[in-house]
């Protein structure tokens, strides 16, 4: 089977080696394993641009190179309009030669792919919608358009769309799905996380406004003010880092809040293992990997009620759903910190749930879509 993956995610070439976004590479291993030939239709970057990348551990048969259309200025947008016609031609040619088309949405390339796949109603197709599938979510028009096309059984045929969470009033195209970071061999016994000692919080994600990392700092700051011994370790990088560093210094939090930048998976694993809570006050998510990974290691998740997060946290049974009101959110956390039995129950429930979604289970499910 000739598998084509259409994605906005770029490739970066270093000599003869190909690199891509780290978590994406881990998932590509599964798709590659279930195909005879694998080709990609995606942009190429000359450098990482701060992206945490990993080397592709397999050979690709072909890359149909697209022009990156992510410019922000008015001139960029005009150029993007004209270059999109070139990309449409490349996409059509790539899909024409594929046995199975796999779209990665949302994104600029995903949007074009949604339109072009309409011309191939007889070919088996899958799409992974990595964003928030909640029909009620406030999203950019381009995201809503992609969701509408993928959900429409008249325009989109022979397609299985993998989405995060279960939602009402969906067509037969839509399949609730998940993602995974750890394997069965990672299911090691959890160490006891006592609340008598210093309590550790961890934030993992891009330091951008959409992830609200500053709110995570403010939660820990208020707990410190209320007399609790707490720390916050922040992993990730982004535009908000300078503002966060200034806030930490201005409020004398440098002994309790540390920014570690982008780190590899092993470092993050140790951070989860040593933390009591994983916090992500994000505005929008698909399947928040940081939350699922923290839960795997017994961290009690603290997250906003977006996308499938309420489902992941069982409406608060397996964690804390933030209201984004500092006083009320801190009150919830303090109540849990002062109750070891309640904390242990949530920690165990979180781990049991997360450990159902291993890489092995993920691979078994992907195989079903490629038969």
Protein backbone atom coordinates (compact mmCIF):
# COMPACT_ATOMS: atom_id res chain seq x y z
CA UNK A 1 0.00 0.00 0.00
CA UNK A 2 1.27 3.47 -0.94
CA UNK A 3 0.45 5.78 1.97
CA UNK A 4 0.46 9.55 1.54
CA UNK A 5 0.58 11.83 4.58
CA UNK A 6 -0.54 15.42 3.96
CA UNK A 7 0.53 17.78 6.72
CA UNK A 8 1.44 21.35 7.65
CA UNK A 9 4.19 19.89 9.88
CA UNK A 10 7.51 20.67 8.16
CA UNK A 11 10.54 18.53 7.41
CA UNK A 12 14.03 19.83 8.19
CA UNK A 13 16.93 18.31 6.24
CA UNK A 14 20.37 17.93 7.81
CA UNK A 15 22.53 16.35 5.17
CA UNK A 16 20.76 13.15 4.16
CA UNK A 17 18.81 12.94 7.42
CA UNK A 18 15.22 14.15 7.79
CA UNK A 19 13.93 15.73 11.01
CA UNK A 20 10.43 16.63 12.15
CA UNK A 21 8.54 17.62 15.32
CA UNK A 22 9.41 15.01 17.97
CA UNK A 23 5.95 13.75 19.05
CA UNK A 24 4.88 13.68 15.39
CA UNK A 25 7.84 11.42 14.54
CA UNK A 26 6.81 8.94 17.21
CA UNK A 27 3.35 8.66 15.67
CA UNK A 28 4.73 8.42 12.12
CA UNK A 29 6.55 5.24 13.13
CA UNK A 30 3.18 3.53 13.51
CA UNK A 31 1.83 4.76 10.17
CA UNK A 32 5.04 3.76 8.39
CA UNK A 33 4.98 0.28 9.93
CA UNK A 34 1.57 -0.34 8.37
CA UNK A 35 2.44 0.74 4.83
CA UNK A 36 4.61 -0.63 2.02
CA UNK A 37 5.62 2.83 0.82
CA UNK A 38 5.22 6.15 2.59
CA UNK A 39 5.27 9.59 0.97
CA UNK A 40 4.73 13.04 2.41
CA UNK A 41 3.19 16.22 1.11
CA UNK A 42 4.47 18.98 3.41
CA UNK A 43 6.63 22.13 3.60
CA UNK A 44 10.39 22.17 4.20
CA UNK A 45 12.14 24.45 6.69
CA UNK A 46 15.83 25.38 6.57
CA UNK A 47 16.11 25.33 10.38
CA UNK A 48 14.15 24.17 13.44
CA UNK A 49 12.86 27.70 14.35
CA UNK A 50 12.70 26.61 18.00
CA UNK A 51 10.78 23.41 17.19
CA UNK A 52 11.78 20.37 19.25
CA UNK A 53 12.69 17.91 16.49
CA UNK A 54 13.68 14.25 16.15
CA UNK A 55 15.23 12.34 13.29
CA UNK A 56 12.94 10.18 11.17
CA UNK A 57 14.17 6.61 11.85
CA UNK A 58 12.89 5.30 8.51
CA UNK A 59 13.30 6.14 4.84
CA UNK A 60 10.62 8.09 3.04
CA UNK A 61 9.86 7.16 -0.55
CA UNK A 62 9.11 10.71 -1.64
CA UNK A 63 8.40 14.17 -0.34
CA UNK A 64 6.12 16.35 -2.42
CA UNK A 65 7.44 19.72 -1.26
CA UNK A 66 4.92 22.44 -0.55
CA UNK A 67 5.44 26.17 -0.10
CA UNK A 68 5.04 27.22 3.54
CA UNK A 69 2.00 29.53 3.71
CA UNK A 70 2.28 30.70 7.32
CA UNK A 71 3.32 34.33 6.70
CA UNK A 72 1.79 36.98 8.98
CA UNK A 73 2.25 40.26 7.09
CA UNK A 74 -0.14 41.59 4.44
CA UNK A 75 2.48 40.92 1.74
CA UNK A 76 2.92 37.36 3.04
CA UNK A 77 -0.82 36.78 2.80
CA UNK A 78 -0.95 38.04 -0.80
CA UNK A 79 1.97 35.77 -1.73
CA UNK A 80 0.31 32.87 0.10
CA UNK A 81 -2.83 33.30 -2.00
CA UNK A 82 -0.91 32.85 -5.24
CA UNK A 83 1.38 30.10 -3.90
CA UNK A 84 -1.69 28.16 -2.76
CA UNK A 85 -2.45 27.39 -6.42
CA UNK A 86 0.99 25.81 -6.75
CA UNK A 87 0.34 23.77 -3.59
CA UNK A 88 -3.02 22.63 -4.95
CA UNK A 89 -1.29 21.22 -8.02
CA UNK A 90 1.28 19.40 -5.89
CA UNK A 91 -1.43 17.98 -3.62
CA UNK A 92 -3.50 16.73 -6.55
CA UNK A 93 -0.50 14.99 -8.10
CA UNK A 94 0.46 13.38 -4.76
CA UNK A 95 -3.07 12.15 -4.01
CA UNK A 96 -3.42 10.78 -7.52
CA UNK A 97 -0.48 8.41 -6.92
CA UNK A 98 -1.49 7.26 -3.41
CA UNK A 99 -3.43 4.17 -2.39
CA UNK A 100 -4.41 5.68 0.97
CA UNK A 101 -4.57 9.41 1.80
CA UNK A 102 -4.00 10.56 5.37
CA UNK A 103 -4.70 14.22 6.20
CA UNK A 104 -3.35 16.02 9.27
CA UNK A 105 -5.68 18.83 10.34
CA UNK A 106 -6.21 21.61 11.21
CA UNK A 107 -3.74 23.80 9.33
CA UNK A 108 -3.19 25.58 6.04
CA UNK A 109 -2.12 22.42 4.24
CA UNK A 110 -4.92 20.47 5.90
CA UNK A 111 -7.43 23.00 4.58
CA UNK A 112 -6.22 22.60 1.00
CA UNK A 113 -6.10 18.83 1.49
CA UNK A 114 -9.73 18.83 2.62
CA UNK A 115 -10.76 20.39 -0.70
CA UNK A 116 -8.54 18.25 -2.95
CA UNK A 117 -9.55 14.93 -1.34
CA UNK A 118 -13.12 15.59 -2.53
CA UNK A 119 -11.85 14.77 -6.04
CA UNK A 120 -10.90 11.23 -4.92
CA UNK A 121 -14.14 9.79 -3.48
CA UNK A 122 -13.14 6.19 -4.25
CA UNK A 123 -9.81 6.20 -2.43
CA UNK A 124 -9.66 5.12 1.22
CA UNK A 125 -8.79 8.07 3.43
CA UNK A 126 -8.16 8.95 7.04
CA UNK A 127 -7.74 12.31 8.72
CA UNK A 128 -6.43 13.15 12.15
CA UNK A 129 -7.97 16.30 13.52
CA UNK A 130 -5.50 17.26 16.24
CA UNK A 131 -7.41 20.31 17.45
CA UNK A 132 -10.57 20.82 19.45
CA UNK A 133 -13.49 19.04 17.74
CA UNK A 134 -16.11 20.49 20.09
CA UNK A 135 -18.83 21.84 17.73
CA UNK A 136 -19.53 24.67 20.20
CA UNK A 137 -15.93 25.86 20.44
CA UNK A 138 -15.06 29.36 19.24
CA UNK A 139 -12.46 28.81 16.50
CA UNK A 140 -11.04 30.51 13.38
CA UNK A 141 -13.21 30.20 10.28
CA UNK A 142 -10.60 28.03 8.54
CA UNK A 143 -10.78 25.47 11.36
CA UNK A 144 -14.57 25.45 11.27
CA UNK A 145 -14.47 24.99 7.50
CA UNK A 146 -12.15 21.98 7.75
CA UNK A 147 -14.40 20.41 10.36
CA UNK A 148 -17.48 20.99 8.19
CA UNK A 149 -15.91 19.42 5.08
CA UNK A 150 -14.58 16.39 6.97
CA UNK A 151 -17.93 15.84 8.69
CA UNK A 152 -19.90 16.16 5.45
CA UNK A 153 -20.58 12.69 4.00
CA UNK A 154 -21.62 14.13 0.63
CA UNK A 155 -18.32 15.93 0.04
CA UNK A 156 -16.04 13.62 2.01
CA UNK A 157 -16.43 9.95 1.14
CA UNK A 158 -14.58 6.81 2.17
CA UNK A 159 -13.09 8.80 5.05
CA UNK A 160 -12.53 8.06 8.73
CA UNK A 161 -11.81 11.20 10.75
CA UNK A 162 -10.02 10.59 14.04
CA UNK A 163 -11.09 13.18 16.62
CA UNK A 164 -10.48 13.66 20.32
CA UNK A 165 -13.51 13.03 22.50
CA UNK A 166 -17.07 11.89 21.85
CA UNK A 167 -19.52 14.46 20.52
CA UNK A 168 -23.23 14.43 19.74
CA UNK A 169 -24.74 14.69 16.26
CA UNK A 170 -21.71 13.54 14.27
CA UNK A 171 -21.78 11.72 10.92
CA UNK A 172 -20.45 8.23 10.22
CA UNK A 173 -17.15 9.83 9.13
CA UNK A 174 -16.22 10.73 12.71
CA UNK A 175 -14.34 8.28 14.94
CA UNK A 176 -13.44 9.14 18.57
CA UNK A 177 -9.73 8.54 19.03
CA UNK A 178 -6.71 9.21 21.25
CA UNK A 179 -2.95 9.51 21.14
CA UNK A 180 -0.19 7.84 23.14
CA UNK A 181 3.30 8.56 24.43
CA UNK A 182 4.29 5.50 26.46
CA UNK A 183 4.44 1.76 25.89
CA UNK A 184 3.41 -1.21 28.01
CA UNK A 185 6.98 -1.56 29.30
CA UNK A 186 6.69 1.91 30.85
CA UNK A 187 3.97 0.72 33.22
CA UNK A 188 6.24 0.69 36.26
CA UNK A 189 4.85 0.88 39.80
CA UNK A 190 4.20 4.44 40.94
CA UNK A 191 6.14 5.90 43.84
CA UNK A 192 4.19 7.34 46.74
CA UNK A 193 3.68 11.10 46.42
CA UNK A 194 3.51 12.44 49.93
CA UNK A 195 1.94 15.84 50.55
CA UNK A 196 3.93 16.35 53.75
CA UNK A 197 7.02 17.50 51.86
CA UNK A 198 7.33 20.25 49.25
CA UNK A 199 4.61 19.90 46.63
CA UNK A 200 5.79 19.99 43.02
CA UNK A 201 3.82 21.32 40.06
CA UNK A 202 4.90 20.87 36.44
CA UNK A 203 3.86 22.74 33.29
CA UNK A 204 4.81 21.30 29.89
CA UNK A 205 3.96 23.13 26.68
CA UNK A 206 4.67 26.08 24.43
CA UNK A 207 5.08 29.37 26.30
CA UNK A 208 2.38 31.19 24.36
CA UNK A 209 -0.75 33.07 25.41
CA UNK A 210 -3.01 30.22 24.32
CA UNK A 211 -1.43 27.90 26.89
CA UNK A 212 -1.69 30.48 29.72
CA UNK A 213 1.63 29.57 31.39
CA UNK A 214 1.54 32.79 33.42
CA UNK A 215 -1.66 31.61 35.12
CA UNK A 216 0.19 28.47 36.26
CA UNK A 217 2.78 30.74 37.90
CA UNK A 218 0.05 32.80 39.55
CA UNK A 219 -1.55 29.68 41.00
CA UNK A 220 1.72 28.65 42.63
CA UNK A 221 2.41 32.24 43.73
CA UNK A 222 -0.92 32.39 45.58
CA UNK A 223 -0.26 29.02 47.23
CA UNK A 224 3.11 30.36 48.44
CA UNK A 225 1.40 33.45 49.81
CA UNK A 226 -1.02 31.19 51.67
CA UNK A 227 1.84 29.40 53.39
CA UNK A 228 2.23 26.24 51.29
CA UNK A 229 5.63 24.87 50.32
CA UNK A 230 5.31 24.50 46.54
CA UNK A 231 7.46 24.67 43.41
CA UNK A 232 6.67 24.93 39.71
CA UNK A 233 8.88 23.51 36.96
CA UNK A 234 8.14 24.86 33.48
CA UNK A 235 9.23 22.99 30.35
CA UNK A 236 8.86 24.60 26.96
CA UNK A 237 9.73 27.76 25.10
CA UNK A 238 7.94 30.54 23.27
CA UNK A 239 7.12 34.22 22.99
CA UNK A 240 5.85 34.53 26.57
CA UNK A 241 9.14 33.45 28.15
CA UNK A 242 10.56 36.98 28.57
CA UNK A 243 7.37 38.25 30.22
CA UNK A 244 7.33 35.21 32.51
CA UNK A 245 10.96 35.71 33.52
CA UNK A 246 10.24 39.36 34.32
CA UNK A 247 7.19 38.37 36.38
CA UNK A 248 9.21 35.80 38.33
CA UNK A 249 11.93 38.34 39.19
CA UNK A 250 9.48 41.15 39.98
CA UNK A 251 7.57 38.93 42.42
CA UNK A 252 10.64 37.23 43.91
CA UNK A 253 9.59 33.76 42.76
CA UNK A 254 12.98 32.61 41.40
CA UNK A 255 13.46 30.13 44.25
CA UNK A 256 10.11 28.45 43.60
CA UNK A 257 9.52 28.74 39.83
CA UNK A 258 12.09 27.46 37.31
CA UNK A 259 12.01 27.64 33.50
CA UNK A 260 13.92 24.79 31.85
CA UNK A 261 13.14 25.41 28.17
CA UNK A 262 12.56 22.56 25.71
CA UNK A 263 13.74 19.20 27.02
CA UNK A 264 13.76 15.63 25.72
CA UNK A 265 11.22 12.95 26.59
CA UNK A 266 13.38 11.31 29.27
CA UNK A 267 13.77 14.60 31.13
CA UNK A 268 10.03 15.20 30.97
CA UNK A 269 9.35 11.68 32.21
CA UNK A 270 11.50 12.29 35.31
CA UNK A 271 9.72 15.60 35.89
CA UNK A 272 6.31 13.90 35.83
CA UNK A 273 7.53 11.14 38.14
CA UNK A 274 8.73 13.71 40.68
CA UNK A 275 5.69 15.99 40.51
CA UNK A 276 2.41 15.90 42.37
CA UNK A 277 0.43 17.95 39.85
CA UNK A 278 0.57 18.64 36.11
CA UNK A 279 -1.05 21.96 35.25
CA UNK A 280 -2.25 23.26 31.86
CA UNK A 281 -4.60 26.30 31.93
CA UNK A 282 -4.91 26.28 28.15
CA UNK A 283 -7.53 28.18 26.14
CA UNK A 284 -7.82 25.47 23.48
CA UNK A 285 -6.54 21.91 23.12
CA UNK A 286 -7.09 18.75 21.15
CA UNK A 287 -5.73 15.90 23.24
CA UNK A 288 -3.35 17.62 25.70
CA UNK A 289 -0.39 15.23 25.74
CA UNK A 290 1.16 16.91 28.77
CA UNK A 291 -1.95 16.12 30.80
CA UNK A 292 -2.15 12.50 29.59
CA UNK A 293 1.59 11.96 30.17
CA UNK A 294 1.46 13.43 33.66
CA UNK A 295 -1.53 11.28 34.54
CA UNK A 296 0.38 8.20 33.35
CA UNK A 297 2.91 8.87 36.14
CA UNK A 298 0.33 9.63 38.82
CA UNK A 299 0.30 13.43 38.57
CA UNK A 300 -3.10 14.86 39.41
CA UNK A 301 -4.08 16.99 36.40
CA UNK A 302 -5.16 20.61 36.76
CA UNK A 303 -6.61 21.80 33.46
CA UNK A 304 -9.24 23.94 31.82
CA UNK A 305 -12.54 22.50 30.68
CA UNK A 306 -11.82 22.56 26.92
CA UNK A 307 -12.08 19.94 24.17
CA UNK A 308 -12.06 16.40 25.62
CA UNK A 309 -10.39 17.44 28.90
CA UNK A 310 -13.57 17.00 31.00
CA UNK A 311 -13.81 13.48 29.56
CA UNK A 312 -10.15 12.80 30.41
CA UNK A 313 -10.61 14.03 33.96
CA UNK A 314 -14.05 12.37 34.35
CA UNK A 315 -15.52 15.79 35.19
CA UNK A 316 -13.14 16.21 38.11
CA UNK A 317 -13.00 12.68 39.49
CA UNK A 318 -9.48 12.22 38.11
CA UNK A 319 -8.28 15.80 38.62
CA UNK A 320 -9.22 19.46 38.95
CA UNK A 321 -11.07 21.44 36.28
CA UNK A 322 -9.99 25.08 36.39
CA UNK A 323 -12.60 27.83 36.43
CA UNK A 324 -9.94 30.45 35.53
CA UNK A 325 -10.87 32.43 38.63
CA UNK A 326 -7.75 32.53 40.77
CA UNK A 327 -9.39 32.48 44.21
CA UNK A 328 -11.71 29.58 43.37
CA UNK A 329 -9.02 27.58 41.60
CA UNK A 330 -6.56 27.99 44.46
CA UNK A 331 -9.31 26.95 46.88
CA UNK A 332 -9.80 23.71 44.92
CA UNK A 333 -6.08 22.95 44.94
CA UNK A 334 -5.68 23.72 48.64
CA UNK A 335 -8.55 21.40 49.54
CA UNK A 336 -6.77 18.57 47.71
CA UNK A 337 -3.33 19.38 49.14
CA UNK A 338 -4.75 19.08 52.64
CA UNK A 339 -6.31 15.67 52.01
CA UNK A 340 -3.76 12.93 51.28
CA UNK A 341 -6.40 10.22 50.84
CA UNK A 342 -8.35 12.28 48.31
CA UNK A 343 -5.14 13.15 46.46
CA UNK A 344 -4.07 9.49 46.36
CA UNK A 345 -7.47 8.50 44.97
CA UNK A 346 -7.31 11.04 42.16
CA UNK A 347 -3.68 10.17 41.42
CA UNK A 348 -4.45 6.46 41.15
CA UNK A 349 -7.58 7.04 39.04
CA UNK A 350 -5.61 9.31 36.71
CA UNK A 351 -2.87 6.74 36.24
CA UNK A 352 -5.27 3.83 35.65
CA UNK A 353 -7.08 5.81 32.95
CA UNK A 354 -3.92 7.07 31.18
CA UNK A 355 -2.27 3.65 31.15
CA UNK A 356 -5.06 2.28 28.98
CA UNK A 357 -3.74 4.36 26.08
CA UNK A 358 -0.34 2.89 25.28
CA UNK A 359 1.59 2.93 22.02
CA UNK A 360 0.72 -0.73 21.53
CA UNK A 361 -3.01 -0.02 21.76
CA UNK A 362 -2.52 2.99 19.48
CA UNK A 363 -0.81 0.82 16.88
CA UNK A 364 -3.55 -1.81 17.01
CA UNK A 365 -6.19 0.86 16.39
CA UNK A 366 -4.27 2.46 13.50
CA UNK A 367 -3.93 -0.93 11.82
CA UNK A 368 -7.73 -1.19 11.65
CA UNK A 369 -7.94 2.02 9.60
CA UNK A 370 -5.33 0.89 7.08
CA UNK A 371 -6.72 -2.58 6.31
